[in-house]
Amino acid sequence: MCIERLEAVRIVPAMNMDKWIALIRDRMEELDISQELLAERVGVSQGSIGHWLCKRRQPRVDSMNKVFVELGMPHYHVSLQLQVAGQIGEERVRYAVDDSVEDEDWTKYIVCFRYPLRAWETLGSEAASDPGVFEQTDYLAKGNAWWLPVENDAMSAVSGKSVAEGMLVLVDSGVAVEPGRLVVARQPGKSAIFRQLTEEGGQRYLKALNGSYPTLVCEEGCEFLGVVVRVHGIF
């Protein structure tokens, strides 16, 4: 992989191996998979798995991602973290990154998470086994999570918190639904909508950030599908 920049580029310590190791150990325990079986699936020796999990050696990027896949965690993804260090008057130069090098002094990884992009009409039904399109983020979901496209300007405000039409929101079904949160909710017999949950006098409401849309009372049986935890391109 080659990066071409006018500025200097350096690899920064985005994270150490501890997070990746913890995720793999927890998943192996959950599935009751031994190091020997995992090694067979990944196509490496049992000793390699042992070295990785004991942090004696650092695996290559492709090996780390193959471990995720073989443990049924394809939505997790490891990549190199690059960052512009700032313009320092260097001549135009090409920086090469070889992800096969196992030098802990400069090879730093970041664990990312990939969640499926879903259509609004699929909400409430079982997600397709192969959603096809994923978006990547550094957010680790607490429950089932998926991206949704914002389809109107109901949450677009002139000032303050605003989510414009065309952006993607990441919805996490495992986050507690509380007043003030941006949520995806569904009133009985109606389609799901994206609103801010508010409460007044013990009554809950679904409020649009765009004042031209009406505030809706949460009817009996209103279902909260999840809380918006990321907005693609904002935070």
C-alpha atoms as a PDB file:
ATOM      1  CA  MET A   1       0.000   0.000   0.000  1.00  0.00           C
ATOM      2  CA  CYS A   2       1.411   3.396  -0.975  1.00  0.00           C
ATOM      3  CA  ILE A   3       0.421   6.795   0.340  1.00  0.00           C
ATOM      4  CA  GLU A   4       1.275   9.973  -1.526  1.00  0.00           C
ATOM      5  CA  ARG A   5       1.124  13.280   0.351  1.00  0.00           C
ATOM      6  CA  LEU A   6       2.608  16.744   0.278  1.00  0.00           C
ATOM      7  CA  GLU A   7       2.867  16.518   4.050  1.00  0.00           C
ATOM      8  CA  ALA A   8       4.850  14.059   6.105  1.00  0.00           C
ATOM      9  CA  VAL A   9       2.974  10.903   6.961  1.00  0.00           C
ATOM     10  CA  ARG A  10       3.684   8.791   9.985  1.00  0.00           C
ATOM     11  CA  ILE A  11       2.106   5.805  11.646  1.00  0.00           C
ATOM     12  CA  VAL A  12       0.758   6.677  15.078  1.00  0.00           C
ATOM     13  CA  PRO A  13       0.024   4.368  18.015  1.00  0.00           C
ATOM     14  CA  ALA A  14      -3.740   4.115  17.564  1.00  0.00           C
ATOM     15  CA  MET A  15      -3.948   1.136  19.901  1.00  0.00           C
ATOM     16  CA  ASN A  16      -1.910  -1.790  21.167  1.00  0.00           C
ATOM     17  CA  MET A  17      -2.699  -5.475  20.749  1.00  0.00           C
ATOM     18  CA  ASP A  18      -4.578  -5.732  24.036  1.00  0.00           C
ATOM     19  CA  LYS A  19      -7.978  -4.943  22.525  1.00  0.00           C
ATOM     20  CA  TRP A  20      -7.645  -7.455  19.687  1.00  0.00           C
ATOM     21  CA  ILE A  21      -6.405 -10.160  22.073  1.00  0.00           C
ATOM     22  CA  ALA A  22      -9.282  -9.539  24.503  1.00  0.00           C
ATOM     23  CA  LEU A  23     -11.863  -9.779  21.705  1.00  0.00           C
ATOM     24  CA  ILE A  24     -10.370 -13.040  20.417  1.00  0.00           C
ATOM     25  CA  ARG A  25     -10.010 -14.635  23.857  1.00  0.00           C
ATOM     26  CA  ASP A  26     -13.615 -13.773  24.787  1.00  0.00           C
ATOM     27  CA  ARG A  27     -14.948 -15.164  21.513  1.00  0.00           C
ATOM     28  CA  MET A  28     -12.903 -18.370  21.792  1.00  0.00           C
ATOM     29  CA  GLU A  29     -14.254 -18.912  25.299  1.00  0.00           C
ATOM     30  CA  GLU A  30     -17.802 -18.196  24.153  1.00  0.00           C
ATOM     31  CA  LEU A  31     -17.550 -20.720  21.302  1.00  0.00           C
ATOM     32  CA  ASP A  32     -15.381 -23.161  23.278  1.00  0.00           C
ATOM     33  CA  ILE A  33     -12.761 -23.174  20.514  1.00  0.00           C
ATOM     34  CA  SER A  34      -9.213 -24.270  21.307  1.00  0.00           C
ATOM     35  CA  GLN A  35      -6.050 -22.677  19.979  1.00  0.00           C
ATOM     36  CA  GLU A  36      -5.439 -25.838  17.947  1.00  0.00           C
ATOM     37  CA  LEU A  37      -8.821 -25.638  16.214  1.00  0.00           C
ATOM     38  CA  LEU A  38      -8.489 -21.916  15.554  1.00  0.00           C
ATOM     39  CA  ALA A  39      -5.005 -22.440  14.123  1.00  0.00           C
ATOM     40  CA  GLU A  40      -6.383 -25.099  11.759  1.00  0.00           C
ATOM     41  CA  ARG A  41      -9.125 -22.747  10.583  1.00  0.00           C
ATOM     42  CA  VAL A  42      -6.770 -19.806  10.064  1.00  0.00           C
ATOM     43  CA  GLY A  43      -4.073 -21.926   8.409  1.00  0.00           C
ATOM     44  CA  VAL A  44      -1.249 -21.275  10.861  1.00  0.00           C
ATOM     45  CA  SER A  45       0.460 -23.274  13.589  1.00  0.00           C
ATOM     46  CA  GLN A  46      -0.922 -23.557  17.098  1.00  0.00           C
ATOM     47  CA  GLY A  47       2.290 -21.932  18.264  1.00  0.00           C
ATOM     48  CA  SER A  48       1.497 -18.818  16.201  1.00  0.00           C
ATOM     49  CA  ILE A  49      -1.915 -18.472  17.831  1.00  0.00           C
ATOM     50  CA  GLY A  50      -0.314 -18.897  21.242  1.00  0.00           C
ATOM     51  CA  HIS A  51       2.324 -16.266  20.524  1.00  0.00           C
ATOM     52  CA  TRP A  52      -0.317 -13.797  19.323  1.00  0.00           C
ATOM     53  CA  LEU A  53      -2.601 -14.287  22.305  1.00  0.00           C
ATOM     54  CA  CYS A  54       0.314 -13.990  24.745  1.00  0.00           C
ATOM     55  CA  LYS A  55       1.521 -10.866  22.921  1.00  0.00           C
ATOM     56  CA  ARG A  56       4.901 -12.364  22.163  1.00  0.00           C
ATOM     57  CA  ARG A  57       4.449 -11.721  18.452  1.00  0.00           C
ATOM     58  CA  GLN A  58       2.281  -9.353  16.479  1.00  0.00           C
ATOM     59  CA  PRO A  59       0.340 -10.932  13.584  1.00  0.00           C
ATOM     60  CA  ARG A  60      -0.053  -9.407  10.161  1.00  0.00           C
ATOM     61  CA  VAL A  61      -3.160  -7.397   9.325  1.00  0.00           C
ATOM     62  CA  ASP A  62      -4.550 -10.098   7.036  1.00  0.00           C
ATOM     63  CA  SER A  63      -4.026 -12.743   9.741  1.00  0.00           C
ATOM     64  CA  MET A  64      -5.836 -10.652  12.345  1.00  0.00           C
ATOM     65  CA  ASN A  65      -8.807 -10.181  10.038  1.00  0.00           C
ATOM     66  CA  LYS A  66      -8.888 -13.873   9.092  1.00  0.00           C
ATOM     67  CA  VAL A  67      -9.097 -14.759  12.791  1.00  0.00           C
ATOM     68  CA  PHE A  68     -12.135 -12.480  13.083  1.00  0.00           C
ATOM     69  CA  VAL A  69     -13.784 -14.167  10.093  1.00  0.00           C
ATOM     70  CA  GLU A  70     -13.081 -17.694  11.338  1.00  0.00           C
ATOM     71  CA  LEU A  71     -14.585 -16.813  14.709  1.00  0.00           C
ATOM     72  CA  GLY A  72     -17.774 -15.527  13.088  1.00  0.00           C
ATOM     73  CA  MET A  73     -16.929 -11.848  13.615  1.00  0.00           C
ATOM     74  CA  PRO A  74     -16.674 -10.508  10.023  1.00  0.00           C
ATOM     75  CA  HIS A  75     -18.018  -7.100  11.072  1.00  0.00           C
ATOM     76  CA  TYR A  76     -14.770  -6.531  13.013  1.00  0.00           C
ATOM     77  CA  HIS A  77     -11.890  -5.254  10.907  1.00  0.00           C
ATOM     78  CA  VAL A  78      -8.266  -4.360  11.592  1.00  0.00           C
ATOM     79  CA  SER A  79      -6.397  -1.740   9.578  1.00  0.00           C
ATOM     80  CA  LEU A  80      -3.258   0.354   9.796  1.00  0.00           C
ATOM     81  CA  GLN A  81      -3.754   3.807  11.238  1.00  0.00           C
ATOM     82  CA  LEU A  82      -2.059   6.590   9.261  1.00  0.00           C
ATOM     83  CA  GLN A  83      -2.040  10.249  10.198  1.00  0.00           C
ATOM     84  CA  VAL A  84      -0.728  13.416   8.599  1.00  0.00           C
ATOM     85  CA  ALA A  85       1.984  14.746  10.892  1.00  0.00           C
ATOM     86  CA  GLY A  86       1.954  18.240   9.424  1.00  0.00           C
ATOM     87  CA  GLN A  87       3.672  20.089   6.636  1.00  0.00           C
ATOM     88  CA  ILE A  88       7.392  20.242   7.350  1.00  0.00           C
ATOM     89  CA  GLY A  89       8.799  21.444   4.043  1.00  0.00           C
ATOM     90  CA  GLU A  90       9.673  18.040   2.696  1.00  0.00           C
ATOM     91  CA  GLU A  91       9.716  17.406  -1.008  1.00  0.00           C
ATOM     92  CA  ARG A  92       6.875  15.392  -2.494  1.00  0.00           C
ATOM     93  CA  VAL A  93       7.517  11.805  -1.525  1.00  0.00           C
ATOM     94  CA  ARG A  94       5.819   8.420  -1.600  1.00  0.00           C
ATOM     95  CA  TYR A  95       5.598   6.536   1.688  1.00  0.00           C
ATOM     96  CA  ALA A  96       5.169   2.784   1.509  1.00  0.00           C
ATOM     97  CA  VAL A  97       3.536   0.700   4.230  1.00  0.00           C
ATOM     98  CA  ASP A  98       4.264  -3.017   4.230  1.00  0.00           C
ATOM     99  CA  ASP A  99       1.696  -4.729   6.450  1.00  0.00           C
ATOM    100  CA  SER A 100       3.715  -7.956   6.442  1.00  0.00           C
ATOM    101  CA  VAL A 101       6.360  -6.452   8.721  1.00  0.00           C
ATOM    102  CA  GLU A 102       6.079  -7.560  12.348  1.00  0.00           C
ATOM    103  CA  ASP A 103       8.014  -4.714  13.943  1.00  0.00           C
ATOM    104  CA  GLU A 104       6.138  -3.517  17.032  1.00  0.00           C
ATOM    105  CA  ASP A 105       8.179  -0.302  17.054  1.00  0.00           C
ATOM    106  CA  TRP A 106       6.248   1.111  14.136  1.00  0.00           C
ATOM    107  CA  THR A 107       3.400  -1.213  13.157  1.00  0.00           C
ATOM    108  CA  LYS A 108       0.325  -0.014  15.022  1.00  0.00           C
ATOM    109  CA  TYR A 109      -3.164  -1.279  14.374  1.00  0.00           C
ATOM    110  CA  ILE A 110      -6.661  -0.050  14.994  1.00  0.00           C
ATOM    111  CA  VAL A 111      -9.651  -2.336  15.367  1.00  0.00           C
ATOM    112  CA  CYS A 112     -12.628  -1.089  13.394  1.00  0.00           C
ATOM    113  CA  PHE A 113     -16.149  -2.458  13.256  1.00  0.00           C
ATOM    114  CA  ARG A 114     -18.280  -2.895  10.170  1.00  0.00           C
ATOM    115  CA  TYR A 115     -22.064  -2.821  10.344  1.00  0.00           C
ATOM    116  CA  PRO A 116     -24.572  -3.462   7.536  1.00  0.00           C
ATOM    117  CA  LEU A 117     -26.355  -0.696   5.688  1.00  0.00           C
ATOM    118  CA  ARG A 118     -30.074  -1.391   5.869  1.00  0.00           C
ATOM    119  CA  ALA A 119     -33.100   0.081   4.145  1.00  0.00           C
ATOM    120  CA  TRP A 120     -35.926   1.535   6.211  1.00  0.00           C
ATOM    121  CA  GLU A 121     -38.444  -0.921   4.796  1.00  0.00           C
ATOM    122  CA  THR A 122     -36.437  -3.864   6.160  1.00  0.00           C
ATOM    123  CA  LEU A 123     -36.703  -2.700   9.779  1.00  0.00           C
ATOM    124  CA  GLY A 124     -38.712  -5.048  11.929  1.00  0.00           C
ATOM    125  CA  SER A 125     -37.889  -8.014   9.734  1.00  0.00           C
ATOM    126  CA  GLU A 126     -34.948 -10.361   9.882  1.00  0.00           C
ATOM    127  CA  ALA A 127     -31.849  -8.812   8.338  1.00  0.00           C
ATOM    128  CA  ALA A 128     -30.679 -10.439   5.131  1.00  0.00           C
ATOM    129  CA  SER A 129     -27.989 -13.057   5.641  1.00  0.00           C
ATOM    130  CA  ASP A 130     -25.769 -11.175   3.193  1.00  0.00           C
ATOM    131  CA  PRO A 131     -26.513  -7.433   3.472  1.00  0.00           C
ATOM    132  CA  GLY A 132     -23.849  -6.697   0.872  1.00  0.00           C
ATOM    133  CA  VAL A 133     -22.909  -3.193   1.966  1.00  0.00           C
ATOM    134  CA  PHE A 134     -21.089  -2.381   5.207  1.00  0.00           C
ATOM    135  CA  GLU A 135     -19.852   0.896   6.670  1.00  0.00           C
ATOM    136  CA  GLN A 136     -16.840   1.030   8.992  1.00  0.00           C
ATOM    137  CA  THR A 137     -16.519   2.816  12.330  1.00  0.00           C
ATOM    138  CA  ASP A 138     -14.496   2.646  15.546  1.00  0.00           C
ATOM    139  CA  TYR A 139     -17.687   2.165  17.594  1.00  0.00           C
ATOM    140  CA  LEU A 140     -18.216  -1.208  19.316  1.00  0.00           C
ATOM    141  CA  ALA A 141     -21.955  -1.836  19.505  1.00  0.00           C
ATOM    142  CA  LYS A 142     -23.644  -2.991  22.693  1.00  0.00           C
ATOM    143  CA  GLY A 143     -26.361  -4.836  20.774  1.00  0.00           C
ATOM    144  CA  ASN A 144     -27.368  -5.381  17.167  1.00  0.00           C
ATOM    145  CA  ALA A 145     -26.305  -2.395  15.087  1.00  0.00           C
ATOM    146  CA  TRP A 146     -26.883  -1.170  11.561  1.00  0.00           C
ATOM    147  CA  TRP A 147     -26.558   1.962   9.421  1.00  0.00           C
ATOM    148  CA  LEU A 148     -29.580   3.780   8.019  1.00  0.00           C
ATOM    149  CA  PRO A 149     -29.726   6.561   5.412  1.00  0.00           C
ATOM    150  CA  VAL A 150     -31.478   9.766   6.531  1.00  0.00           C
ATOM    151  CA  GLU A 151     -34.272  10.153   3.983  1.00  0.00           C
ATOM    152  CA  ASN A 152     -35.771  13.568   4.769  1.00  0.00           C
ATOM    153  CA  ASP A 153     -35.020  16.877   6.492  1.00  0.00           C
ATOM    154  CA  ALA A 154     -36.987  16.183   9.695  1.00  0.00           C
ATOM    155  CA  MET A 155     -33.756  16.132  11.740  1.00  0.00           C
ATOM    156  CA  SER A 156     -32.072  19.023   9.952  1.00  0.00           C
ATOM    157  CA  ALA A 157     -31.967  22.156  12.113  1.00  0.00           C
ATOM    158  CA  VAL A 158     -30.826  25.701  11.394  1.00  0.00           C
ATOM    159  CA  SER A 159     -28.620  25.676  14.495  1.00  0.00           C
ATOM    160  CA  GLY A 160     -27.497  23.260  17.187  1.00  0.00           C
ATOM    161  CA  LYS A 161     -27.763  19.499  16.799  1.00  0.00           C
ATOM    162  CA  SER A 162     -28.636  18.624  13.217  1.00  0.00           C
ATOM    163  CA  VAL A 163     -28.566  15.562  10.971  1.00  0.00           C
ATOM    164  CA  ALA A 164     -28.963  16.366   7.298  1.00  0.00           C
ATOM    165  CA  GLU A 165     -30.804  14.351   4.691  1.00  0.00           C
ATOM    166  CA  GLY A 166     -28.508  11.905   2.907  1.00  0.00           C
ATOM    167  CA  MET A 167     -26.271  11.201   5.894  1.00  0.00           C
ATOM    168  CA  LEU A 168     -25.917   7.781   7.497  1.00  0.00           C
ATOM    169  CA  VAL A 169     -26.808   7.107  11.125  1.00  0.00           C
ATOM    170  CA  LEU A 170     -25.583   4.117  13.131  1.00  0.00           C
ATOM    171  CA  VAL A 171     -28.340   2.593  15.264  1.00  0.00           C
ATOM    172  CA  ASP A 172     -27.501   0.427  18.295  1.00  0.00           C
ATOM    173  CA  SER A 173     -30.308  -1.662  19.783  1.00  0.00           C
ATOM    174  CA  GLY A 174     -28.281  -2.285  22.951  1.00  0.00           C
ATOM    175  CA  VAL A 175     -28.101   1.320  24.167  1.00  0.00           C
ATOM    176  CA  ALA A 176     -30.586   2.471  26.808  1.00  0.00           C
ATOM    177  CA  VAL A 177     -33.405   4.610  25.432  1.00  0.00           C
ATOM    178  CA  GLU A 178     -33.493   7.849  27.420  1.00  0.00           C
ATOM    179  CA  PRO A 179     -34.937  11.335  26.919  1.00  0.00           C
ATOM    180  CA  GLY A 180     -32.603  13.495  24.869  1.00  0.00           C
ATOM    181  CA  ARG A 181     -31.361  10.596  22.759  1.00  0.00           C
ATOM    182  CA  LEU A 182     -31.800  10.417  19.000  1.00  0.00           C
ATOM    183  CA  VAL A 183     -33.782   7.253  18.343  1.00  0.00           C
ATOM    184  CA  VAL A 184     -35.369   5.164  15.634  1.00  0.00           C
ATOM    185  CA  ALA A 185     -38.909   4.422  16.769  1.00  0.00           C
ATOM    186  CA  ARG A 186     -42.046   2.849  15.362  1.00  0.00           C
ATOM    187  CA  GLN A 187     -45.563   3.761  16.397  1.00  0.00           C
ATOM    188  CA  PRO A 188     -48.157   0.935  16.236  1.00  0.00           C
ATOM    189  CA  GLY A 189     -49.150   0.229  12.645  1.00  0.00           C
ATOM    190  CA  LYS A 190     -46.764   2.844  11.220  1.00  0.00           C
ATOM    191  CA  SER A 191     -43.345   2.952   9.588  1.00  0.00           C
ATOM    192  CA  ALA A 192     -40.200   3.588  11.618  1.00  0.00           C
ATOM    193  CA  ILE A 193     -39.027   7.191  11.972  1.00  0.00           C
ATOM    194  CA  PHE A 194     -35.883   9.000  13.157  1.00  0.00           C
ATOM    195  CA  ARG A 195     -36.554  11.502  15.961  1.00  0.00           C
ATOM    196  CA  GLN A 196     -35.306  12.847  19.294  1.00  0.00           C
ATOM    197  CA  LEU A 197     -36.959  11.357  22.358  1.00  0.00           C
ATOM    198  CA  THR A 198     -38.170  13.953  24.864  1.00  0.00           C
ATOM    199  CA  GLU A 199     -40.252  13.730  28.027  1.00  0.00           C
ATOM    200  CA  GLU A 200     -42.488  16.204  29.800  1.00  0.00           C
ATOM    201  CA  GLY A 201     -44.757  15.537  32.750  1.00  0.00           C
ATOM    202  CA  GLY A 202     -44.219  11.812  32.446  1.00  0.00           C
ATOM    203  CA  GLN A 203     -45.289  11.786  28.791  1.00  0.00           C
ATOM    204  CA  ARG A 204     -42.782  10.823  26.108  1.00  0.00           C
ATOM    205  CA  TYR A 205     -42.637  12.543  22.731  1.00  0.00           C
ATOM    206  CA  LEU A 206     -40.873  12.032  19.409  1.00  0.00           C
ATOM    207  CA  LYS A 207     -39.530  15.421  18.372  1.00  0.00           C
ATOM    208  CA  ALA A 208     -38.137  16.474  15.012  1.00  0.00           C
ATOM    209  CA  LEU A 209     -35.146  18.837  15.098  1.00  0.00           C
ATOM    210  CA  ASN A 210     -36.729  20.657  12.161  1.00  0.00           C
ATOM    211  CA  GLY A 211     -39.419  22.877  13.669  1.00  0.00           C
ATOM    212  CA  SER A 212     -41.656  22.543  10.615  1.00  0.00           C
ATOM    213  CA  TYR A 213     -42.431  18.939  11.588  1.00  0.00           C
ATOM    214  CA  PRO A 214     -44.944  18.188  14.374  1.00  0.00           C
ATOM    215  CA  THR A 215     -43.925  16.682  17.708  1.00  0.00           C
ATOM    216  CA  LEU A 216     -45.576  13.272  18.131  1.00  0.00           C
ATOM    217  CA  VAL A 217     -46.858  11.696  21.329  1.00  0.00           C
ATOM    218  CA  CYS A 218     -45.397   8.259  21.986  1.00  0.00           C
ATOM    219  CA  GLU A 219     -48.469   6.098  21.682  1.00  0.00           C
ATOM    220  CA  GLU A 220     -49.070   2.991  23.750  1.00  0.00           C
ATOM    221  CA  GLY A 221     -47.047   0.220  22.158  1.00  0.00           C
ATOM    222  CA  CYS A 222     -44.479   2.561  20.624  1.00  0.00           C
ATOM    223  CA  GLU A 223     -41.396   0.478  19.858  1.00  0.00           C
ATOM    224  CA  PHE A 224     -37.846   1.790  20.058  1.00  0.00           C
ATOM    225  CA  LEU A 225     -35.668  -0.061  17.576  1.00  0.00           C
ATOM    226  CA  GLY A 226     -32.445   1.550  18.731  1.00  0.00           C
ATOM    227  CA  VAL A 227     -30.465   4.637  19.657  1.00  0.00           C
ATOM    228  CA  VAL A 228     -28.416   6.607  17.132  1.00  0.00           C
ATOM    229  CA  VAL A 229     -24.796   6.496  18.295  1.00  0.00           C
ATOM    230  CA  ARG A 230     -22.911   7.760  15.244  1.00  0.00           C
ATOM    231  CA  VAL A 231     -23.651  10.035  12.326  1.00  0.00           C
ATOM    232  CA  HIS A 232     -21.425   9.335   9.335  1.00  0.00           C
ATOM    233  CA  GLY A 233     -19.219  12.309   8.668  1.00  0.00           C
ATOM    234  CA  ILE A 234     -20.059  14.214  11.894  1.00  0.00           C
ATOM    235  CA  PHE A 235     -18.853  12.281  14.960  1.00  0.00           C
END
